[in-house]
Amino acid sequence: MPDTIKYTETELVLLLKERDQSAFGYLYDNYSGALFNIVLAIIPDRELASDVLQEVFVKIWRQVALYDATKGRLFTWMMNIARNASIDVLRSKSYNNSQQNRELTENVYANAGTTVTNTDKIGLRKVVHSLKDEYKILVELSYFEGYTQDEISKMLNIPLGTVKTRLRNALLQLRELVKN
């Protein structure tokens, strides 16, 4: 079994700016799942979310020269591209028309008999967004997107112990915010 190539964030950015296709393949393999979940959180239609994800990676490829490591991490930069692209689609006239033309039965049958609590309806996401950025991203990835602490550690390139500590602190802070 061949060893898989691993890049540091700095190496990956440098190779991407040099238009290295294997580095772009590595980027896609390692970040597409997280970015897809970010898109899917905004656009609930999986097929449309897949299309948006493809557009996001095209945009990343075209604009990687604009990435500035002094302003933040590569994942945060890509996450903002995915989020903005998703919001742009939601605001588009064609998306709004497609939603108006959708049959009523789609939602009625899809939601029939479900007991899952939508965290947006109870305001939990709003409370989470009041956390510090370093806590907010971890809570989003762990509790809303379903990633394990180990996956988050690798995805964000921070030690597993730091992920665990920050998540614990975030939960303690959330508990205090919910009590008040």
N, C-alpha and C. Protein backbone atom coordinates (compact mmCIF):
# COMPACT_ATOMS: atom_id res chain seq x y z
N MET A 1 0.85 -1.18 0.00
CA MET A 1 0.00 0.00 0.00
C MET A 1 0.89 1.24 0.00
N PRO A 2 0.74 2.13 -0.99
CA PRO A 2 1.60 3.31 -1.07
C PRO A 2 1.26 4.32 0.02
N ASP A 3 2.31 5.04 0.45
CA ASP A 3 2.09 6.09 1.44
C ASP A 3 1.30 7.22 0.81
N THR A 4 0.35 7.76 1.57
CA THR A 4 -0.40 8.89 1.06
C THR A 4 0.38 10.16 1.33
N ILE A 5 0.33 11.07 0.38
CA ILE A 5 1.05 12.33 0.50
C ILE A 5 0.29 13.24 1.45
N LYS A 6 1.02 13.89 2.33
CA LYS A 6 0.43 14.87 3.23
C LYS A 6 1.21 16.17 3.07
N TYR A 7 0.46 17.25 3.03
CA TYR A 7 1.07 18.57 2.88
C TYR A 7 0.77 19.41 4.12
N THR A 8 1.71 20.27 4.45
CA THR A 8 1.39 21.29 5.44
C THR A 8 0.54 22.33 4.70
N GLU A 9 -0.13 23.17 5.45
CA GLU A 9 -0.97 24.18 4.81
C GLU A 9 -0.12 25.10 3.92
N THR A 10 1.06 25.46 4.38
CA THR A 10 1.94 26.34 3.62
C THR A 10 2.37 25.67 2.32
N GLU A 11 2.77 24.39 2.39
CA GLU A 11 3.16 23.66 1.18
C GLU A 11 2.00 23.56 0.20
N LEU A 12 0.82 23.25 0.73
CA LEU A 12 -0.35 23.10 -0.11
C LEU A 12 -0.68 24.40 -0.83
N VAL A 13 -0.66 25.50 -0.12
CA VAL A 13 -0.96 26.79 -0.73
C VAL A 13 0.06 27.13 -1.81
N LEU A 14 1.33 26.89 -1.51
CA LEU A 14 2.38 27.17 -2.49
C LEU A 14 2.18 26.35 -3.76
N LEU A 15 1.90 25.05 -3.61
CA LEU A 15 1.68 24.19 -4.77
C LEU A 15 0.43 24.60 -5.54
N LEU A 16 -0.62 25.00 -4.83
CA LEU A 16 -1.84 25.44 -5.50
C LEU A 16 -1.59 26.72 -6.30
N LYS A 17 -0.81 27.62 -5.74
CA LYS A 17 -0.49 28.86 -6.45
C LYS A 17 0.38 28.59 -7.68
N GLU A 18 1.12 27.47 -7.65
CA GLU A 18 1.92 27.05 -8.80
C GLU A 18 1.10 26.21 -9.78
N ARG A 19 -0.20 26.06 -9.48
CA ARG A 19 -1.14 25.32 -10.33
C ARG A 19 -0.83 23.82 -10.40
N ASP A 20 -0.38 23.25 -9.28
CA ASP A 20 -0.09 21.82 -9.21
C ASP A 20 -1.42 21.05 -9.08
N GLN A 21 -1.70 20.21 -10.08
CA GLN A 21 -2.99 19.50 -10.10
C GLN A 21 -3.08 18.42 -9.04
N SER A 22 -1.97 17.79 -8.69
CA SER A 22 -2.04 16.77 -7.64
C SER A 22 -2.34 17.42 -6.28
N ALA A 23 -1.86 18.63 -6.07
CA ALA A 23 -2.17 19.35 -4.84
C ALA A 23 -3.65 19.72 -4.81
N PHE A 24 -4.19 20.07 -5.98
CA PHE A 24 -5.62 20.39 -6.04
C PHE A 24 -6.45 19.14 -5.77
N GLY A 25 -6.00 17.99 -6.28
CA GLY A 25 -6.67 16.73 -5.98
C GLY A 25 -6.64 16.43 -4.49
N TYR A 26 -5.50 16.68 -3.87
CA TYR A 26 -5.37 16.51 -2.42
C TYR A 26 -6.32 17.44 -1.68
N LEU A 27 -6.39 18.68 -2.14
CA LEU A 27 -7.29 19.66 -1.52
C LEU A 27 -8.73 19.18 -1.60
N TYR A 28 -9.13 18.72 -2.77
CA TYR A 28 -10.50 18.25 -2.96
C TYR A 28 -10.77 17.03 -2.07
N ASP A 29 -9.87 16.07 -2.08
CA ASP A 29 -10.06 14.85 -1.30
C ASP A 29 -10.19 15.13 0.20
N ASN A 30 -9.44 16.11 0.68
CA ASN A 30 -9.40 16.37 2.11
C ASN A 30 -10.39 17.42 2.61
N TYR A 31 -10.91 18.24 1.71
CA TYR A 31 -11.78 19.32 2.16
C TYR A 31 -13.18 19.31 1.55
N SER A 32 -13.41 18.50 0.55
CA SER A 32 -14.72 18.55 -0.13
C SER A 32 -15.86 18.13 0.80
N GLY A 33 -15.63 17.16 1.68
CA GLY A 33 -16.68 16.72 2.59
C GLY A 33 -17.12 17.83 3.53
N ALA A 34 -16.15 18.53 4.11
CA ALA A 34 -16.47 19.62 5.04
C ALA A 34 -17.15 20.76 4.31
N LEU A 35 -16.65 21.11 3.14
CA LEU A 35 -17.25 22.21 2.38
C LEU A 35 -18.64 21.83 1.89
N PHE A 36 -18.84 20.56 1.52
CA PHE A 36 -20.17 20.13 1.08
C PHE A 36 -21.17 20.28 2.23
N ASN A 37 -20.77 19.93 3.42
CA ASN A 37 -21.67 20.07 4.57
C ASN A 37 -22.00 21.52 4.87
N ILE A 38 -21.06 22.41 4.63
CA ILE A 38 -21.32 23.84 4.82
C ILE A 38 -22.34 24.31 3.78
N VAL A 39 -22.14 23.89 2.53
CA VAL A 39 -23.08 24.26 1.46
C VAL A 39 -24.45 23.65 1.76
N LEU A 40 -24.47 22.40 2.16
CA LEU A 40 -25.71 21.68 2.43
C LEU A 40 -26.49 22.30 3.60
N ALA A 41 -25.78 22.89 4.55
CA ALA A 41 -26.46 23.55 5.66
C ALA A 41 -27.23 24.77 5.19
N ILE A 42 -26.80 25.36 4.09
CA ILE A 42 -27.46 26.55 3.55
C ILE A 42 -28.45 26.18 2.46
N ILE A 43 -28.07 25.22 1.61
CA ILE A 43 -28.92 24.78 0.50
C ILE A 43 -29.30 23.33 0.76
N PRO A 44 -30.54 23.07 1.18
CA PRO A 44 -30.93 21.71 1.56
C PRO A 44 -31.06 20.71 0.41
N ASP A 45 -31.09 21.17 -0.82
CA ASP A 45 -31.19 20.30 -1.99
C ASP A 45 -29.81 19.73 -2.31
N ARG A 46 -29.62 18.42 -2.11
CA ARG A 46 -28.31 17.77 -2.28
C ARG A 46 -27.75 17.94 -3.69
N GLU A 47 -28.61 17.82 -4.68
CA GLU A 47 -28.15 17.94 -6.06
C GLU A 47 -27.64 19.36 -6.34
N LEU A 48 -28.40 20.34 -5.92
CA LEU A 48 -27.99 21.73 -6.10
C LEU A 48 -26.74 22.02 -5.27
N ALA A 49 -26.68 21.47 -4.07
CA ALA A 49 -25.50 21.66 -3.21
C ALA A 49 -24.25 21.07 -3.87
N SER A 50 -24.40 19.95 -4.56
CA SER A 50 -23.26 19.35 -5.28
C SER A 50 -22.79 20.27 -6.40
N ASP A 51 -23.74 20.88 -7.10
CA ASP A 51 -23.39 21.82 -8.17
C ASP A 51 -22.66 23.03 -7.60
N VAL A 52 -23.14 23.53 -6.47
CA VAL A 52 -22.50 24.68 -5.83
C VAL A 52 -21.10 24.31 -5.37
N LEU A 53 -20.93 23.11 -4.83
CA LEU A 53 -19.61 22.67 -4.38
C LEU A 53 -18.62 22.65 -5.55
N GLN A 54 -19.09 22.18 -6.69
CA GLN A 54 -18.23 22.17 -7.88
C GLN A 54 -17.82 23.60 -8.25
N GLU A 55 -18.77 24.52 -8.21
CA GLU A 55 -18.46 25.92 -8.50
C GLU A 55 -17.48 26.50 -7.47
N VAL A 56 -17.62 26.07 -6.23
CA VAL A 56 -16.73 26.54 -5.17
C VAL A 56 -15.29 26.12 -5.47
N PHE A 57 -15.09 24.87 -5.86
CA PHE A 57 -13.73 24.42 -6.14
C PHE A 57 -13.16 25.07 -7.40
N VAL A 58 -13.99 25.36 -8.37
CA VAL A 58 -13.52 26.11 -9.55
C VAL A 58 -13.06 27.50 -9.11
N LYS A 59 -13.86 28.13 -8.25
CA LYS A 59 -13.52 29.46 -7.75
C LYS A 59 -12.23 29.42 -6.93
N ILE A 60 -12.07 28.40 -6.10
CA ILE A 60 -10.84 28.25 -5.32
C ILE A 60 -9.64 28.13 -6.24
N TRP A 61 -9.76 27.30 -7.27
CA TRP A 61 -8.67 27.09 -8.23
C TRP A 61 -8.30 28.40 -8.92
N ARG A 62 -9.32 29.15 -9.32
CA ARG A 62 -9.07 30.41 -10.04
C ARG A 62 -8.54 31.51 -9.15
N GLN A 63 -8.95 31.52 -7.87
CA GLN A 63 -8.62 32.64 -7.00
C GLN A 63 -7.59 32.33 -5.93
N VAL A 64 -6.96 31.17 -6.01
CA VAL A 64 -6.01 30.80 -4.95
C VAL A 64 -4.87 31.81 -4.83
N ALA A 65 -4.55 32.50 -5.90
CA ALA A 65 -3.49 33.51 -5.84
C ALA A 65 -3.88 34.67 -4.91
N LEU A 66 -5.19 34.85 -4.68
CA LEU A 66 -5.67 35.93 -3.81
C LEU A 66 -5.62 35.55 -2.33
N TYR A 67 -5.42 34.25 -2.04
CA TYR A 67 -5.40 33.81 -0.64
C TYR A 67 -4.21 34.43 0.08
N ASP A 68 -4.46 34.99 1.27
CA ASP A 68 -3.44 35.63 2.07
C ASP A 68 -3.40 34.95 3.44
N ALA A 69 -2.33 34.22 3.69
CA ALA A 69 -2.21 33.45 4.94
C ALA A 69 -2.19 34.35 6.17
N THR A 70 -1.84 35.62 6.02
CA THR A 70 -1.81 36.51 7.17
C THR A 70 -3.22 36.89 7.63
N LYS A 71 -4.21 36.68 6.77
CA LYS A 71 -5.59 37.03 7.12
C LYS A 71 -6.38 35.86 7.67
N GLY A 72 -5.84 34.66 7.63
CA GLY A 72 -6.55 33.51 8.17
C GLY A 72 -6.09 32.22 7.52
N ARG A 73 -6.67 31.13 8.01
CA ARG A 73 -6.30 29.80 7.53
C ARG A 73 -6.93 29.51 6.17
N LEU A 74 -6.35 28.58 5.47
CA LEU A 74 -6.85 28.19 4.15
C LEU A 74 -8.28 27.67 4.25
N PHE A 75 -8.56 26.83 5.25
CA PHE A 75 -9.90 26.28 5.38
C PHE A 75 -10.93 27.38 5.62
N THR A 76 -10.59 28.36 6.43
CA THR A 76 -11.51 29.46 6.70
C THR A 76 -11.79 30.24 5.42
N TRP A 77 -10.76 30.48 4.63
CA TRP A 77 -10.91 31.17 3.35
C TRP A 77 -11.83 30.39 2.43
N MET A 78 -11.60 29.07 2.33
CA MET A 78 -12.44 28.23 1.47
C MET A 78 -13.87 28.15 2.01
N MET A 79 -14.01 28.09 3.33
CA MET A 79 -15.33 28.03 3.95
C MET A 79 -16.13 29.29 3.61
N ASN A 80 -15.47 30.44 3.62
CA ASN A 80 -16.15 31.68 3.27
C ASN A 80 -16.57 31.69 1.80
N ILE A 81 -15.74 31.14 0.94
CA ILE A 81 -16.11 31.04 -0.48
C ILE A 81 -17.35 30.16 -0.62
N ALA A 82 -17.35 29.02 0.06
CA ALA A 82 -18.49 28.09 -0.01
C ALA A 82 -19.75 28.74 0.55
N ARG A 83 -19.62 29.40 1.66
CA ARG A 83 -20.77 30.06 2.28
C ARG A 83 -21.33 31.15 1.38
N ASN A 84 -20.46 31.99 0.85
CA ASN A 84 -20.91 33.08 -0.02
C ASN A 84 -21.53 32.56 -1.31
N ALA A 85 -20.95 31.52 -1.89
CA ALA A 85 -21.52 30.95 -3.12
C ALA A 85 -22.90 30.37 -2.84
N SER A 86 -23.07 29.75 -1.69
CA SER A 86 -24.37 29.17 -1.31
C SER A 86 -25.42 30.26 -1.12
N ILE A 87 -25.02 31.31 -0.45
CA ILE A 87 -25.94 32.42 -0.21
C ILE A 87 -26.31 33.09 -1.54
N ASP A 88 -25.34 33.22 -2.44
CA ASP A 88 -25.63 33.79 -3.75
C ASP A 88 -26.67 32.97 -4.49
N VAL A 89 -26.57 31.65 -4.41
CA VAL A 89 -27.55 30.78 -5.06
C VAL A 89 -28.92 30.97 -4.44
N LEU A 90 -28.97 31.02 -3.11
CA LEU A 90 -30.25 31.22 -2.43
C LEU A 90 -30.91 32.53 -2.82
N ARG A 91 -30.12 33.55 -3.04
CA ARG A 91 -30.65 34.86 -3.39
C ARG A 91 -30.98 34.99 -4.88
N SER A 92 -30.54 34.02 -5.67
CA SER A 92 -30.74 34.11 -7.11
C SER A 92 -32.22 33.98 -7.47
N LYS A 93 -32.58 34.64 -8.53
CA LYS A 93 -33.96 34.64 -8.99
C LYS A 93 -34.38 33.24 -9.43
N SER A 94 -33.49 32.51 -10.10
CA SER A 94 -33.84 31.17 -10.58
C SER A 94 -34.11 30.21 -9.43
N TYR A 95 -33.35 30.33 -8.32
CA TYR A 95 -33.59 29.48 -7.17
C TYR A 95 -34.95 29.80 -6.55
N ASN A 96 -35.23 31.08 -6.38
CA ASN A 96 -36.52 31.48 -5.80
C ASN A 96 -37.68 31.01 -6.66
N ASN A 97 -37.54 31.10 -7.98
CA ASN A 97 -38.60 30.62 -8.87
C ASN A 97 -38.78 29.11 -8.74
N SER A 98 -37.69 28.38 -8.64
CA SER A 98 -37.79 26.92 -8.54
C SER A 98 -38.47 26.52 -7.24
N GLN A 99 -38.24 27.29 -6.17
CA GLN A 99 -38.87 26.99 -4.89
C GLN A 99 -40.36 27.29 -4.92
N GLN A 100 -40.76 28.32 -5.66
CA GLN A 100 -42.17 28.66 -5.77
C GLN A 100 -42.92 27.65 -6.61
N ASN A 101 -42.23 27.06 -7.58
CA ASN A 101 -42.87 26.11 -8.48
C ASN A 101 -42.86 24.68 -7.95
N ARG A 102 -42.23 24.45 -6.82
CA ARG A 102 -42.14 23.12 -6.23
C ARG A 102 -43.52 22.69 -5.73
N GLU A 103 -43.80 21.42 -5.85
CA GLU A 103 -45.09 20.92 -5.38
C GLU A 103 -45.14 20.95 -3.87
N LEU A 104 -46.31 21.21 -3.34
CA LEU A 104 -46.53 21.26 -1.90
C LEU A 104 -46.24 19.91 -1.25
N THR A 105 -46.53 18.85 -1.95
CA THR A 105 -46.39 17.52 -1.37
C THR A 105 -44.95 17.15 -1.02
N GLU A 106 -43.96 17.78 -1.67
CA GLU A 106 -42.56 17.45 -1.36
C GLU A 106 -42.28 17.61 0.12
N ASN A 107 -42.60 18.76 0.68
CA ASN A 107 -42.34 19.01 2.11
C ASN A 107 -43.29 18.24 3.00
N VAL A 108 -44.52 18.13 2.60
CA VAL A 108 -45.52 17.46 3.44
C VAL A 108 -45.11 16.02 3.69
N TYR A 109 -44.76 15.30 2.64
CA TYR A 109 -44.39 13.89 2.81
C TYR A 109 -43.00 13.74 3.42
N ALA A 110 -42.09 14.64 3.09
CA ALA A 110 -40.74 14.53 3.63
C ALA A 110 -40.72 14.74 5.14
N ASN A 111 -41.57 15.63 5.63
CA ASN A 111 -41.56 15.95 7.05
C ASN A 111 -42.58 15.17 7.87
N ALA A 112 -43.39 14.37 7.21
CA ALA A 112 -44.44 13.63 7.92
C ALA A 112 -43.82 12.64 8.90
N GLY A 113 -44.26 12.70 10.13
CA GLY A 113 -43.83 11.73 11.14
C GLY A 113 -42.45 11.95 11.70
N THR A 114 -41.78 13.06 11.37
CA THR A 114 -40.44 13.27 11.92
C THR A 114 -40.54 13.90 13.29
N THR A 115 -39.61 13.53 14.14
CA THR A 115 -39.57 14.09 15.48
C THR A 115 -38.26 14.82 15.73
N VAL A 116 -37.48 15.01 14.66
CA VAL A 116 -36.19 15.68 14.79
C VAL A 116 -36.41 17.17 15.05
N THR A 117 -35.72 17.69 16.04
CA THR A 117 -35.83 19.10 16.37
C THR A 117 -34.89 19.89 15.47
N ASN A 118 -35.43 20.87 14.81
CA ASN A 118 -34.62 21.74 13.97
C ASN A 118 -33.95 22.77 14.88
N THR A 119 -32.61 22.71 14.95
CA THR A 119 -31.89 23.60 15.87
C THR A 119 -32.07 25.06 15.51
N ASP A 120 -32.35 25.36 14.24
CA ASP A 120 -32.57 26.75 13.85
C ASP A 120 -33.83 27.29 14.49
N LYS A 121 -34.85 26.45 14.63
CA LYS A 121 -36.14 26.90 15.15
C LYS A 121 -36.08 27.21 16.64
N ILE A 122 -35.23 26.52 17.38
CA ILE A 122 -35.17 26.77 18.82
C ILE A 122 -34.09 27.80 19.16
N GLY A 123 -33.40 28.31 18.17
CA GLY A 123 -32.43 29.38 18.39
C GLY A 123 -31.05 28.93 18.82
N LEU A 124 -30.78 27.64 18.75
CA LEU A 124 -29.48 27.14 19.20
C LEU A 124 -28.34 27.67 18.33
N ARG A 125 -28.55 27.71 17.03
CA ARG A 125 -27.49 28.22 16.16
C ARG A 125 -27.16 29.68 16.48
N LYS A 126 -28.18 30.46 16.82
CA LYS A 126 -27.95 31.87 17.16
C LYS A 126 -27.07 31.96 18.40
N VAL A 127 -27.31 31.09 19.37
CA VAL A 127 -26.50 31.09 20.59
C VAL A 127 -25.08 30.66 20.26
N VAL A 128 -24.94 29.65 19.42
CA VAL A 128 -23.60 29.17 19.03
C VAL A 128 -22.83 30.27 18.32
N HIS A 129 -23.52 31.06 17.50
CA HIS A 129 -22.83 32.13 16.76
C HIS A 129 -22.38 33.27 17.66
N SER A 130 -22.82 33.28 18.91
CA SER A 130 -22.34 34.30 19.84
C SER A 130 -21.02 33.88 20.50
N LEU A 131 -20.59 32.65 20.26
CA LEU A 131 -19.31 32.17 20.81
C LEU A 131 -18.14 32.80 20.07
N LYS A 132 -16.94 32.67 20.67
CA LYS A 132 -15.73 33.09 19.98
C LYS A 132 -15.56 32.26 18.71
N ASP A 133 -14.93 32.83 17.69
CA ASP A 133 -14.76 32.13 16.42
C ASP A 133 -14.09 30.77 16.57
N GLU A 134 -13.08 30.69 17.45
CA GLU A 134 -12.36 29.42 17.61
C GLU A 134 -13.26 28.34 18.21
N TYR A 135 -14.27 28.73 18.97
CA TYR A 135 -15.23 27.78 19.53
C TYR A 135 -16.35 27.49 18.53
N LYS A 136 -16.80 28.55 17.87
CA LYS A 136 -17.95 28.44 16.96
C LYS A 136 -17.71 27.40 15.87
N ILE A 137 -16.55 27.45 15.22
CA ILE A 137 -16.27 26.53 14.12
C ILE A 137 -16.22 25.09 14.62
N LEU A 138 -15.67 24.89 15.81
CA LEU A 138 -15.58 23.53 16.36
C LEU A 138 -16.97 22.98 16.69
N VAL A 139 -17.83 23.80 17.27
CA VAL A 139 -19.19 23.36 17.60
C VAL A 139 -19.96 23.07 16.32
N GLU A 140 -19.83 23.95 15.33
CA GLU A 140 -20.51 23.75 14.04
C GLU A 140 -20.10 22.41 13.42
N LEU A 141 -18.78 22.19 13.34
CA LEU A 141 -18.29 20.96 12.70
C LEU A 141 -18.65 19.72 13.50
N SER A 142 -18.55 19.80 14.82
CA SER A 142 -18.79 18.64 15.66
C SER A 142 -20.27 18.30 15.82
N TYR A 143 -21.06 19.28 16.21
CA TYR A 143 -22.44 18.99 16.58
C TYR A 143 -23.44 19.17 15.44
N PHE A 144 -23.18 20.11 14.53
CA PHE A 144 -24.13 20.33 13.44
C PHE A 144 -23.75 19.56 12.18
N GLU A 145 -22.43 19.36 11.97
CA GLU A 145 -21.98 18.66 10.76
C GLU A 145 -21.62 17.20 11.01
N GLY A 146 -21.44 16.82 12.27
CA GLY A 146 -21.22 15.42 12.60
C GLY A 146 -19.80 14.91 12.50
N TYR A 147 -18.81 15.78 12.45
CA TYR A 147 -17.43 15.34 12.38
C TYR A 147 -16.93 14.91 13.75
N THR A 148 -16.02 13.93 13.77
CA THR A 148 -15.42 13.51 15.02
C THR A 148 -14.34 14.52 15.41
N GLN A 149 -13.92 14.47 16.67
CA GLN A 149 -12.87 15.38 17.12
C GLN A 149 -11.58 15.13 16.36
N ASP A 150 -11.29 13.87 16.07
CA ASP A 150 -10.08 13.53 15.32
C ASP A 150 -10.15 14.10 13.91
N GLU A 151 -11.29 13.99 13.25
CA GLU A 151 -11.45 14.54 11.90
C GLU A 151 -11.29 16.06 11.91
N ILE A 152 -11.86 16.70 12.92
CA ILE A 152 -11.75 18.16 13.03
C ILE A 152 -10.29 18.56 13.24
N SER A 153 -9.59 17.80 14.08
CA SER A 153 -8.18 18.07 14.33
C SER A 153 -7.37 18.05 13.04
N LYS A 154 -7.61 17.03 12.23
CA LYS A 154 -6.88 16.91 10.96
C LYS A 154 -7.33 17.97 9.96
N MET A 155 -8.63 18.24 9.92
CA MET A 155 -9.18 19.19 8.97
C MET A 155 -8.65 20.60 9.22
N LEU A 156 -8.61 20.99 10.49
CA LEU A 156 -8.19 22.34 10.84
C LEU A 156 -6.70 22.44 11.18
N ASN A 157 -6.04 21.28 11.16
CA ASN A 157 -4.60 21.20 11.42
C ASN A 157 -4.25 21.78 12.81
N ILE A 158 -5.03 21.36 13.82
CA ILE A 158 -4.74 21.74 15.20
C ILE A 158 -4.70 20.46 16.03
N PRO A 159 -3.93 20.45 17.12
CA PRO A 159 -3.81 19.22 17.92
C PRO A 159 -5.15 18.74 18.47
N LEU A 160 -5.29 17.42 18.57
CA LEU A 160 -6.52 16.81 19.07
C LEU A 160 -6.85 17.30 20.48
N GLY A 161 -5.86 17.42 21.33
CA GLY A 161 -6.07 17.91 22.68
C GLY A 161 -6.64 19.33 22.70
N THR A 162 -6.18 20.15 21.77
CA THR A 162 -6.70 21.52 21.67
C THR A 162 -8.16 21.51 21.24
N VAL A 163 -8.50 20.61 20.30
CA VAL A 163 -9.89 20.49 19.86
C VAL A 163 -10.77 20.11 21.04
N LYS A 164 -10.33 19.10 21.80
CA LYS A 164 -11.12 18.63 22.94
C LYS A 164 -11.29 19.74 24.00
N THR A 165 -10.22 20.44 24.30
CA THR A 165 -10.27 21.50 25.30
C THR A 165 -11.19 22.63 24.85
N ARG A 166 -11.04 23.04 23.59
CA ARG A 166 -11.87 24.13 23.09
C ARG A 166 -13.35 23.73 23.04
N LEU A 167 -13.63 22.49 22.65
CA LEU A 167 -15.03 22.04 22.62
C LEU A 167 -15.61 22.02 24.03
N ARG A 168 -14.83 21.55 24.98
CA ARG A 168 -15.31 21.54 26.37
C ARG A 168 -15.58 22.96 26.85
N ASN A 169 -14.65 23.88 26.58
CA ASN A 169 -14.85 25.27 26.98
C ASN A 169 -16.05 25.89 26.27
N ALA A 170 -16.24 25.53 25.01
CA ALA A 170 -17.38 26.04 24.25
C ALA A 170 -18.68 25.55 24.87
N LEU A 171 -18.73 24.29 25.26
CA LEU A 171 -19.94 23.75 25.88
C LEU A 171 -20.23 24.40 27.22
N LEU A 172 -19.17 24.66 27.98
CA LEU A 172 -19.36 25.36 29.26
C LEU A 172 -19.90 26.78 29.03
N GLN A 173 -19.34 27.44 28.03
CA GLN A 173 -19.80 28.79 27.71
C GLN A 173 -21.24 28.77 27.20
N LEU A 174 -21.59 27.76 26.38
CA LEU A 174 -22.96 27.61 25.89
C LEU A 174 -23.93 27.40 27.04
N ARG A 175 -23.52 26.57 27.99
CA ARG A 175 -24.38 26.30 29.15
C ARG A 175 -24.70 27.61 29.88
N GLU A 176 -23.70 28.45 30.06
CA GLU A 176 -23.91 29.73 30.74
C GLU A 176 -24.82 30.65 29.92
N LEU A 177 -24.63 30.66 28.60
CA LEU A 177 -25.45 31.51 27.73
C LEU A 177 -26.90 31.06 27.73
N VAL A 178 -27.13 29.76 27.76
CA VAL A 178 -28.49 29.22 27.74
C VAL A 178 -29.19 29.47 29.07
N LYS A 179 -28.44 29.43 30.18
CA LYS A 179 -29.03 29.68 31.51
C LYS A 179 -29.54 31.11 31.62
N ASN A 180 -28.81 32.05 31.03
CA ASN A 180 -29.16 33.48 31.17
C ASN A 180 -30.29 33.88 30.30
